[in-house]
Protein backbone atom coordinates (compact mmCIF):
# COMPACT_ATOMS: atom_id res chain seq x y z
CA UNK A 1 42.60 -16.03 60.42
CA UNK A 2 39.18 -17.76 59.92
CA UNK A 3 37.95 -18.07 56.19
CA UNK A 4 34.28 -17.39 55.69
CA UNK A 5 32.58 -18.96 52.41
CA UNK A 6 29.69 -16.99 51.24
CA UNK A 7 27.58 -18.63 48.74
CA UNK A 8 25.67 -16.53 46.21
CA UNK A 9 22.94 -17.96 44.08
CA UNK A 10 21.76 -16.01 40.98
CA UNK A 11 18.03 -15.82 41.04
CA UNK A 12 15.85 -14.14 38.53
CA UNK A 13 14.17 -10.70 39.87
CA UNK A 14 10.76 -11.49 41.10
CA UNK A 15 7.97 -9.29 39.93
CA UNK A 16 7.47 -6.24 42.21
CA UNK A 17 3.52 -6.29 41.90
CA UNK A 18 0.61 -7.28 40.07
CA UNK A 19 -0.90 -4.43 38.51
CA UNK A 20 -4.68 -4.39 37.66
CA UNK A 21 -4.64 -8.33 37.85
CA UNK A 22 -3.02 -8.48 34.27
CA UNK A 23 0.45 -6.98 34.38
CA UNK A 24 2.95 -8.16 36.59
CA UNK A 25 5.55 -5.31 37.09
CA UNK A 26 9.13 -6.56 36.67
CA UNK A 27 11.33 -3.44 37.32
CA UNK A 28 11.23 0.20 37.06
CA UNK A 29 12.52 1.53 33.58
CA UNK A 30 12.60 5.35 34.40
CA UNK A 31 10.95 8.14 36.11
CA UNK A 32 9.67 11.48 34.53
CA UNK A 33 7.93 14.54 36.05
CA UNK A 34 4.63 13.03 35.59
CA UNK A 35 4.86 9.32 35.51
CA UNK A 36 6.98 6.24 36.21
CA UNK A 37 7.61 3.38 33.48
CA UNK A 38 7.97 -0.24 34.21
CA UNK A 39 8.74 -3.36 32.38
CA UNK A 40 5.61 -5.49 32.79
CA UNK A 41 4.68 -8.91 31.83
CA UNK A 42 1.06 -9.71 30.62
CA UNK A 43 -0.30 -12.31 32.76
CA UNK A 44 -2.25 -14.11 29.78
CA UNK A 45 -0.23 -13.58 26.60
CA UNK A 46 3.35 -13.53 28.38
CA UNK A 47 4.26 -10.36 26.39
CA UNK A 48 6.74 -7.97 27.89
CA UNK A 49 5.35 -4.45 27.62
CA UNK A 50 6.16 -1.07 28.98
CA UNK A 51 3.58 -0.02 31.40
CA UNK A 52 3.52 3.91 32.58
CA UNK A 53 1.56 5.05 35.68
CA UNK A 54 0.95 8.57 37.21
CA UNK A 55 3.27 9.44 40.11
CA UNK A 56 1.53 8.74 43.47
CA UNK A 57 1.58 12.45 44.23
CA UNK A 58 -0.03 13.34 41.09
CA UNK A 59 -2.53 10.70 40.74
CA UNK A 60 -5.30 12.50 42.67
CA UNK A 61 -5.07 15.81 40.82
CA UNK A 62 -7.56 15.88 38.02
CA UNK A 63 -5.78 18.03 35.60
CA UNK A 64 -2.64 15.64 35.71
CA UNK A 65 -4.93 12.61 35.20
CA UNK A 66 -6.46 14.23 32.21
CA UNK A 67 -3.27 15.22 30.76
CA UNK A 68 -2.18 11.62 31.35
CA UNK A 69 -5.03 10.13 29.46
CA UNK A 70 -4.76 12.63 26.71
CA UNK A 71 -1.31 11.32 26.18
CA UNK A 72 -2.83 7.81 25.64
CA UNK A 73 -5.54 9.20 23.09
CA UNK A 74 -2.90 11.37 21.09
CA UNK A 75 -0.65 8.11 20.44
CA UNK A 76 -3.54 5.83 19.88
CA UNK A 77 -4.58 8.12 16.99
CA UNK A 78 -1.21 7.87 15.24
CA UNK A 79 -0.22 4.52 13.69
CA UNK A 80 3.14 5.08 12.29
CA UNK A 81 6.46 3.08 12.25
CA UNK A 82 8.43 5.82 14.03
CA UNK A 83 5.78 6.46 16.82
CA UNK A 84 5.71 4.21 19.92
CA UNK A 85 2.47 2.17 19.76
CA UNK A 86 -0.02 2.28 22.54
CA UNK A 87 -1.25 -1.29 23.20
CA UNK A 88 -3.69 -0.66 26.22
CA UNK A 89 -5.02 1.99 28.81
CA UNK A 90 -7.18 2.44 31.63
CA UNK A 91 -8.91 5.30 33.21
CA UNK A 92 -10.01 5.81 36.70
CA UNK A 93 -8.49 6.00 40.10
CA UNK A 94 -5.07 4.55 38.92
CA UNK A 95 -4.85 4.97 35.32
CA UNK A 96 -2.11 3.64 33.11
CA UNK A 97 -1.05 3.47 29.63
CA UNK A 98 0.71 0.22 27.93
CA UNK A 99 3.06 0.67 25.26
CA UNK A 100 5.41 -1.79 23.24
CA UNK A 101 8.53 -2.44 24.79
CA UNK A 102 11.40 -0.85 23.04
CA UNK A 103 15.02 -2.37 22.93
CA UNK A 104 17.77 0.09 22.35
CA UNK A 105 18.91 3.46 23.57
CA UNK A 106 17.67 7.07 23.55
CA UNK A 107 19.09 9.53 21.33
CA UNK A 108 20.26 11.73 24.56
CA UNK A 109 22.50 8.59 25.39
CA UNK A 110 23.72 8.11 21.84
CA UNK A 111 24.94 11.87 21.88
CA UNK A 112 26.55 11.47 25.42
CA UNK A 113 28.65 8.67 24.09
CA UNK A 114 29.37 10.20 20.75
CA UNK A 115 32.91 12.12 20.12
CA UNK A 116 32.44 15.62 20.92
CA UNK A 117 28.81 14.89 21.61
CA UNK A 118 27.78 15.12 18.03
CA UNK A 119 26.72 12.70 15.03
CA UNK A 120 28.20 12.83 11.54
CA UNK A 121 25.70 14.31 9.00
CA UNK A 122 24.62 11.03 7.38
CA UNK A 123 24.04 9.60 11.03
CA UNK A 124 22.19 12.45 12.06
CA UNK A 125 19.75 12.47 8.90
CA UNK A 126 19.21 8.86 9.29
CA UNK A 127 17.91 9.38 12.68
CA UNK A 128 16.00 12.91 12.13
CA UNK A 129 14.28 12.39 8.90
CA UNK A 130 12.29 9.71 10.13
CA UNK A 131 11.39 11.70 13.32
CA UNK A 132 10.31 14.51 10.98
CA UNK A 133 8.10 12.30 9.01
CA UNK A 134 6.44 10.87 12.24
CA UNK A 135 5.73 14.47 13.35
CA UNK A 136 4.45 15.14 10.02
CA UNK A 137 2.09 12.18 10.48
CA UNK A 138 1.07 13.53 13.81
CA UNK A 139 0.36 16.73 12.56
CA UNK A 140 -1.89 15.51 9.81
CA UNK A 141 -4.07 13.97 12.77
CA UNK A 142 -4.09 17.29 14.43
CA UNK A 143 -1.56 16.51 17.13
CA UNK A 144 1.29 18.55 18.34
CA UNK A 145 4.08 17.12 20.53
CA UNK A 146 5.34 20.24 22.27
CA UNK A 147 8.18 18.28 23.86
CA UNK A 148 10.39 16.94 21.20
CA UNK A 149 14.09 16.47 22.44
CA UNK A 150 16.86 13.87 22.26
CA UNK A 151 15.55 11.99 25.17
CA UNK A 152 12.05 11.73 23.46
CA UNK A 153 13.57 9.91 20.61
CA UNK A 154 14.41 6.42 21.03
CA UNK A 155 16.55 4.19 19.02
CA UNK A 156 15.14 0.90 18.92
CA UNK A 157 16.02 -2.50 17.18
CA UNK A 158 13.24 -4.22 15.33
CA UNK A 159 13.16 -8.20 14.57
CA UNK A 160 15.90 -7.91 11.86
CA UNK A 161 18.28 -5.87 14.15
CA UNK A 162 17.86 -2.71 12.18
CA UNK A 163 17.65 0.56 14.13
CA UNK A 164 14.14 2.23 13.88
CA UNK A 165 13.86 5.79 15.53
CA UNK A 166 10.79 6.08 17.64
CA UNK A 167 9.08 9.23 18.84
CA UNK A 168 7.91 8.82 22.52
CA UNK A 169 6.37 10.89 25.33
CA UNK A 170 3.52 12.61 24.28
CA UNK A 171 2.53 13.80 27.67
CA UNK A 172 2.51 17.26 26.57
CA UNK A 173 0.72 16.79 23.20
CA UNK A 174 -1.99 19.04 22.24
CA UNK A 175 -4.90 18.25 20.17
CA UNK A 176 -6.24 20.85 17.54
CA UNK A 177 -9.88 19.94 18.48
CA UNK A 178 -9.42 19.16 22.15
CA UNK A 179 -11.83 21.10 24.22
CA UNK A 180 -9.77 20.06 27.37
CA UNK A 181 -7.43 22.60 28.70
CA UNK A 182 -4.99 21.50 31.17
CA UNK A 183 -2.69 24.27 31.33
CA UNK A 184 -2.99 27.92 32.05
CA UNK A 185 -1.65 30.82 30.37
CA UNK A 186 0.99 31.57 32.83
CA UNK A 187 2.53 28.10 32.78
CA UNK A 188 5.37 27.35 30.53
CA UNK A 189 4.97 23.87 28.84
CA UNK A 190 8.00 22.20 27.49
CA UNK A 191 11.74 21.92 27.93
CA UNK A 192 13.37 25.34 27.79
CA UNK A 193 16.55 24.56 25.70
CA UNK A 194 14.09 22.88 23.00
CA UNK A 195 11.05 24.72 23.12
CA UNK A 196 10.11 27.61 20.77
CA UNK A 197 9.68 31.28 21.53
CA UNK A 198 5.91 31.19 21.33
CA UNK A 199 6.05 28.26 24.10
CA UNK A 200 8.48 30.39 26.29
CA UNK A 201 5.81 33.26 26.13
CA UNK A 202 3.12 30.80 27.07
CA UNK A 203 1.00 31.94 23.95
CA UNK A 204 -2.50 30.03 23.75
CA UNK A 205 -2.39 29.55 20.00
CA UNK A 206 0.78 27.15 20.02
CA UNK A 207 0.55 25.11 16.97
CA UNK A 208 2.90 22.64 14.83
CA UNK A 209 5.22 25.58 14.40
CA UNK A 210 6.29 24.92 17.97
CA UNK A 211 7.32 21.11 16.78
CA UNK A 212 9.20 22.83 13.95
CA UNK A 213 11.45 24.76 16.23
CA UNK A 214 12.03 21.58 18.53
CA UNK A 215 12.97 19.40 15.58
CA UNK A 216 15.38 22.11 14.41
CA UNK A 217 17.05 22.58 17.91
CA UNK A 218 17.21 18.72 18.22
CA UNK A 219 19.00 18.52 14.89
CA UNK A 220 21.21 21.46 15.61
CA UNK A 221 22.53 19.58 18.74
CA UNK A 222 22.97 16.35 16.82
CA UNK A 223 25.20 18.32 14.35
CA UNK A 224 26.88 20.86 16.41
CA UNK A 225 27.09 19.08 19.71
CA UNK A 226 25.68 22.01 21.54
CA UNK A 227 22.20 23.49 22.04
CA UNK A 228 21.11 26.32 19.81
CA UNK A 229 19.94 28.36 23.28
CA UNK A 230 22.02 27.51 26.47
CA UNK A 231 22.41 28.97 29.76
CA UNK A 232 23.12 28.27 33.35
CA UNK A 233 19.73 27.65 34.41
CA UNK A 234 16.02 27.45 33.04
CA UNK A 235 15.45 30.98 33.58
CA UNK A 236 18.59 31.96 31.65
CA UNK A 237 17.77 29.82 28.77
CA UNK A 238 13.94 31.53 28.67
CA UNK A 239 15.58 34.91 28.64
CA UNK A 240 17.83 34.38 26.03
CA UNK A 241 15.43 32.39 23.97
CA UNK A 242 13.05 35.46 24.04
CA UNK A 243 15.63 38.18 23.35
CA UNK A 244 18.39 36.71 21.20
CA UNK A 245 18.64 35.29 17.93
CA UNK A 246 19.99 31.64 17.29
CA UNK A 247 23.58 31.44 16.12
CA UNK A 248 23.68 30.09 12.38
CA UNK A 249 24.63 26.45 12.59
CA UNK A 250 27.93 26.83 10.47
CA UNK A 251 29.32 29.43 12.91
CA UNK A 252 29.42 26.77 15.45
CA UNK A 253 30.02 23.76 13.11
CA UNK A 254 31.68 24.77 9.82
CA UNK A 255 32.00 21.37 8.49
CA UNK A 256 27.98 20.87 8.17
CA UNK A 257 27.06 21.10 4.45
CA UNK A 258 25.13 24.35 3.57
CA UNK A 259 22.25 22.96 2.20
CA UNK A 260 21.71 20.84 5.52
CA UNK A 261 22.78 23.85 7.63
CA UNK A 262 20.15 25.98 5.81
CA UNK A 263 17.24 23.78 6.62
CA UNK A 264 18.12 23.75 10.28
CA UNK A 265 18.53 27.72 10.44
CA UNK A 266 15.07 28.06 8.87
CA UNK A 267 13.57 25.69 11.71
CA UNK A 268 14.84 27.97 14.23
CA UNK A 269 13.47 31.30 12.95
CA UNK A 270 11.97 33.34 15.87
CA UNK A 271 8.98 34.51 13.65
CA UNK A 272 7.17 31.30 13.21
CA UNK A 273 5.52 32.64 9.99
CA UNK A 274 9.19 32.58 8.45
CA UNK A 275 9.90 28.82 9.47
CA UNK A 276 8.94 26.09 7.14
CA UNK A 277 5.29 25.95 6.82
CA UNK A 278 4.82 22.16 7.87
CA UNK A 279 6.78 19.37 8.99
CA UNK A 280 6.37 17.76 5.54
CA UNK A 281 8.24 20.53 3.89
CA UNK A 282 11.00 19.96 6.23
CA UNK A 283 11.20 16.54 5.22
CA UNK A 284 11.16 17.40 1.42
CA UNK A 285 13.81 19.94 2.18
CA UNK A 286 16.29 17.35 3.94
CA UNK A 287 15.50 14.58 1.36
CA UNK A 288 16.94 16.85 -1.42
CA UNK A 289 20.24 17.63 0.29
CA UNK A 290 23.42 16.07 -1.08
CA UNK A 291 23.97 14.34 1.99
CA UNK A 292 20.85 12.48 1.97
CA UNK A 293 21.01 11.80 -1.53
CA UNK A 294 24.58 10.36 -1.38
CA UNK A 295 23.67 8.05 1.72
CA UNK A 296 20.71 6.49 -0.35
CA UNK A 297 18.48 6.10 2.79
CA UNK A 298 15.12 4.74 2.32
CA UNK A 299 12.18 7.07 1.98
CA UNK A 300 10.37 7.71 5.33
CA UNK A 301 6.66 7.27 5.88
CA UNK A 302 4.69 10.24 5.71
CA UNK A 303 1.52 9.21 6.74
CA UNK A 304 -0.48 7.30 9.32
CA UNK A 305 -1.31 3.52 8.78
CA UNK A 306 -4.07 3.03 10.86
CA UNK A 307 -7.44 2.14 9.41
CA UNK A 308 -10.20 4.67 9.15
CA UNK A 309 -13.69 3.67 10.80
CA UNK A 310 -16.33 4.17 8.39
CA UNK A 311 -19.45 6.16 9.58
CA UNK A 312 -22.65 4.37 9.35
CA UNK A 313 -24.25 4.68 5.98
CA UNK A 314 -20.95 5.69 4.02
CA UNK A 315 -20.20 3.78 0.80
CA UNK A 316 -16.86 1.58 1.24
CA UNK A 317 -14.77 1.34 -2.21
CA UNK A 318 -11.95 -0.85 -1.91
CA UNK A 319 -9.54 -2.10 -4.83
CA UNK A 320 -9.71 -5.42 -6.17
CA UNK A 321 -6.80 -6.84 -3.89
CA UNK A 322 -8.21 -5.27 -0.68
CA UNK A 323 -10.49 -7.13 1.84
CA UNK A 324 -14.04 -6.64 1.22
CA UNK A 325 -16.35 -6.14 4.03
CA UNK A 326 -18.93 -8.96 4.71
CA UNK A 327 -22.27 -8.33 6.66
CA UNK A 328 -21.93 -11.57 8.23
CA UNK A 329 -18.47 -10.44 10.02
CA UNK A 330 -16.21 -12.79 7.70
CA UNK A 331 -13.61 -10.91 5.84
CA UNK A 332 -13.24 -12.06 2.33
CA UNK A 333 -10.33 -11.21 0.40
CA UNK A 334 -10.31 -11.06 -3.50
CA UNK A 335 -7.09 -12.29 -5.34
CA UNK A 336 -4.52 -9.77 -6.16
CA UNK A 337 -4.54 -8.39 -9.70
CA UNK A 338 -1.38 -10.59 -10.44
CA UNK A 339 -3.34 -13.56 -9.94
CA UNK A 340 -6.12 -12.76 -12.26
CA UNK A 341 -4.36 -10.96 -15.05
CA UNK A 342 -2.64 -14.13 -16.37
CA UNK A 343 -5.77 -16.34 -16.87
CA UNK A 344 -7.69 -13.44 -18.57
CA UNK A 345 -4.97 -12.79 -20.77
CA UNK A 346 -4.94 -16.34 -21.86
CA UNK A 347 -8.37 -16.41 -22.86
CA UNK A 348 -8.16 -13.23 -24.40
CA UNK A 349 -5.49 -14.58 -26.63
CA UNK A 350 -7.35 -17.83 -27.44
CA UNK A 351 -10.43 -15.54 -28.56
CA UNK A 352 -8.31 -13.47 -30.56
CA UNK A 353 -6.60 -16.71 -32.42
CA UNK A 354 -10.17 -17.82 -32.89
CA UNK A 355 -11.56 -14.85 -34.39
CA UNK A 356 -8.45 -14.42 -36.47
CA UNK A 357 -8.73 -18.03 -37.86
CA UNK A 358 -12.47 -17.45 -38.59
CA UNK A 359 -11.83 -14.29 -40.52
CA UNK A 360 -8.88 -16.01 -42.68
CA UNK A 361 -11.21 -19.04 -43.44
CA UNK A 362 -14.06 -16.90 -44.65
CA UNK A 363 -11.94 -14.70 -46.80
CA UNK A 364 -10.38 -18.17 -48.25
CA UNK A 365 -13.78 -19.46 -48.79
CA UNK A 366 -15.15 -16.33 -50.47
CA UNK A 367 -11.80 -16.27 -52.72
CA UNK A 368 -12.48 -19.95 -53.74
CA UNK A 369 -16.13 -19.39 -54.45
CA UNK A 370 -15.49 -16.46 -56.85
CA UNK A 371 -13.52 -19.07 -59.11
CA UNK A 372 -15.54 -21.96 -58.93
CA UNK A 373 -18.73 -22.87 -61.30
CA UNK A 374 -22.19 -21.72 -60.42
CA UNK A 375 -24.98 -24.11 -60.33
CA UNK A 376 -28.67 -23.87 -59.21
CA UNK A 377 -29.23 -24.75 -55.73
CA UNK A 378 -31.03 -27.91 -54.83
CA UNK A 379 -34.58 -27.46 -53.64
CA UNK A 380 -35.38 -30.87 -52.17
CA UNK A 381 -33.70 -32.66 -49.54
CA UNK A 382 -33.31 -35.61 -51.81
CA UNK A 383 -29.73 -36.01 -53.15
CA UNK A 384 -29.27 -34.17 -56.53
CA UNK A 385 -27.60 -35.83 -59.70
CA UNK A 386 -24.07 -34.63 -60.25
CA UNK A 387 -24.20 -31.65 -62.48
CA UNK A 388 -21.39 -30.61 -64.65
CA UNK A 389 -20.72 -27.79 -67.22
CA UNK A 390 -21.76 -30.49 -70.12
CA UNK A 391 -25.13 -31.25 -68.87
CA UNK A 392 -26.04 -28.01 -67.01
CA UNK A 393 -28.46 -26.70 -69.72
CA UNK A 394 -30.10 -30.17 -70.39
CA UNK A 395 -33.43 -30.56 -69.47
CA UNK A 396 -34.27 -32.84 -66.37
CA UNK A 397 -35.24 -36.47 -67.39
CA UNK A 398 -38.54 -37.90 -66.58
CA UNK A 399 -39.50 -41.04 -65.24
CA UNK A 400 -40.77 -42.21 -68.75
CA UNK A 401 -37.59 -41.38 -70.48
CA UNK A 402 -34.93 -43.61 -70.96
CA UNK A 403 -31.52 -42.67 -68.97
CA UNK A 404 -28.98 -41.10 -71.31
CA UNK A 405 -25.44 -42.38 -70.46
CA UNK A 406 -23.42 -40.02 -68.63
CA UNK A 407 -20.67 -38.09 -70.24
CA UNK A 408 -17.14 -38.78 -69.11
CA UNK A 409 -15.90 -36.47 -66.46
CA UNK A 410 -12.21 -35.84 -65.89
CA UNK A 411 -10.91 -37.00 -62.71
CA UNK A 412 -11.05 -34.49 -59.92
CA UNK A 413 -8.91 -34.66 -56.85
CA UNK A 414 -11.18 -35.76 -53.86
CA UNK A 415 -11.59 -32.41 -52.45
CA UNK A 416 -14.46 -30.07 -51.79
CA UNK A 417 -15.05 -27.24 -54.39
CA UNK A 418 -17.29 -24.43 -53.24
CA UNK A 419 -19.09 -22.40 -55.66
CA UNK A 420 -21.47 -19.39 -55.63
CA UNK A 421 -23.98 -17.91 -58.06
CA UNK A 422 -22.60 -15.28 -60.29
CA UNK A 423 -24.12 -11.69 -60.20
CA UNK A 424 -25.69 -12.19 -63.78
CA UNK A 425 -27.61 -15.48 -62.74
CA UNK A 426 -31.37 -14.98 -62.05
CA UNK A 427 -31.03 -17.18 -58.87
CA UNK A 428 -28.93 -15.73 -56.05
CA UNK A 429 -29.43 -18.79 -53.86
CA UNK A 430 -25.62 -20.09 -52.95
CA UNK A 431 -25.37 -23.88 -52.71
CA UNK A 432 -22.37 -26.02 -52.00
CA UNK A 433 -21.90 -28.62 -54.75
CA UNK A 434 -19.44 -31.49 -54.52
CA UNK A 435 -17.91 -32.79 -57.80
CA UNK A 436 -16.82 -36.24 -57.84
CA UNK A 437 -15.80 -38.72 -60.51
CA UNK A 438 -19.02 -40.29 -62.11
CA UNK A 439 -19.44 -43.84 -61.44
CA UNK A 440 -20.28 -46.21 -64.47
CA UNK A 441 -23.94 -46.20 -64.96
CA UNK A 442 -25.38 -49.78 -64.40
CA UNK A 443 -26.98 -51.54 -67.28
CA UNK A 444 -30.92 -51.10 -67.29
CA UNK A 445 -32.79 -54.42 -67.63
CA UNK A 446 -35.46 -52.92 -69.53
CA UNK A 447 -36.15 -49.77 -71.36
CA UNK A 448 -39.37 -49.02 -69.54
CA UNK A 449 -37.54 -49.49 -66.09
CA UNK A 450 -36.93 -46.19 -64.43
CA UNK A 451 -33.48 -45.45 -63.70
CA UNK A 452 -32.23 -45.88 -59.90
CA UNK A 453 -31.77 -42.68 -58.28
CA UNK A 454 -27.87 -41.72 -57.69
CA UNK A 455 -26.64 -42.77 -54.21
CA UNK A 456 -26.40 -40.03 -51.71
CA UNK A 457 -23.16 -39.68 -50.14
CA UNK A 458 -23.41 -39.90 -46.32
CA UNK A 459 -20.28 -37.96 -45.74
CA UNK A 460 -21.75 -34.79 -47.68
CA UNK A 461 -24.80 -33.07 -45.80
CA UNK A 462 -26.61 -30.73 -47.54
CA UNK A 463 -25.43 -27.25 -46.35
CA UNK A 464 -26.73 -24.03 -47.43
CA UNK A 465 -25.24 -20.45 -46.79
CA UNK A 466 -27.78 -17.68 -46.84
């Protein structure tokens, strides 16, 4: 018996094709009714992306090409953390859409692997409340998904490893202001098991209420493990959908809390006027349930985060911490309020202390001026003789008269004493008078010699107060 040795060398899969000269197709990720999804590698950036192309048999039909490109436009209008992001697209003979590449699994795969095909209430709400918030953001942009189901909810992982639900496949999305009609009144659009009765009747005015129904059907399956409307084939499902009411959730799953079941049952009312008026109302109703409060999940994002383009001539008002537009094209940013507040608060504190000190000093000065003696103000810039109460009334000596000896003055502490004129005085001129111990008068050499003027104190300037 001969032994044959086979050597197997593991090699990385070679790219299948180069698409549009920029994207190298690595492998096929899935095939849908309209398109095919590939994992691709950007030739310049090296980023792995998901590239969606039209199926070859549909690429030459204008209505399918229009629907395909409308998907890209719809998703590009929604910037939401729970909606898959569009990175690139191309129209023409071979249109394609480039999405972010998601790592994880679909909600349909999660349900298939779960016991009894269902999730517990906390896990179901953790997935579906962000999905409801994403639909609310899409509705705010005038976009209706029209094909929400577990296979179009992808449970991806972010950079930290946290699970992030993403709504994908807007191939059947409808824009409220879109003039392009790619479906006719006799064509049913959607998946029968999750579509609303108005979709099953092919009504032309299908609106956001269809997404409310589809959301309720998806959450119903997550909690009960069965579909709200089922049958052996699509026709049987459509027939039951048009004729029968949906069984209440607690009939199928008695362990579901009443408040959660009430929200799901209201989403699945045949009369759309009796359903929730908006997906935002569904989010609010689920967030007040006891199950959501007990789990303490983070609040979902309820609005789009995309930047609005400002029309020409419009006035832009931005907060202090937001980037300011610059006509030169350079973005300038202002420091956040937290960076400015401490410095402004410091200057305010310094100014307050200075004002307080000035007021206290002024009050002290006025108090001391009220108790001091009042003397006439000096009228000449020359130094004035020392004036005391003893000689205040004496006449001013002339140059010919001999100088009289100065009366002894009690020693005073070397400090400034401020005085002001009393109201009874005829003169209201205020002056600052310094009282010091009088030096001894030098002896005169002759009776006819004029007395020497008193020496001015260089440390005491002549200061007046009006």
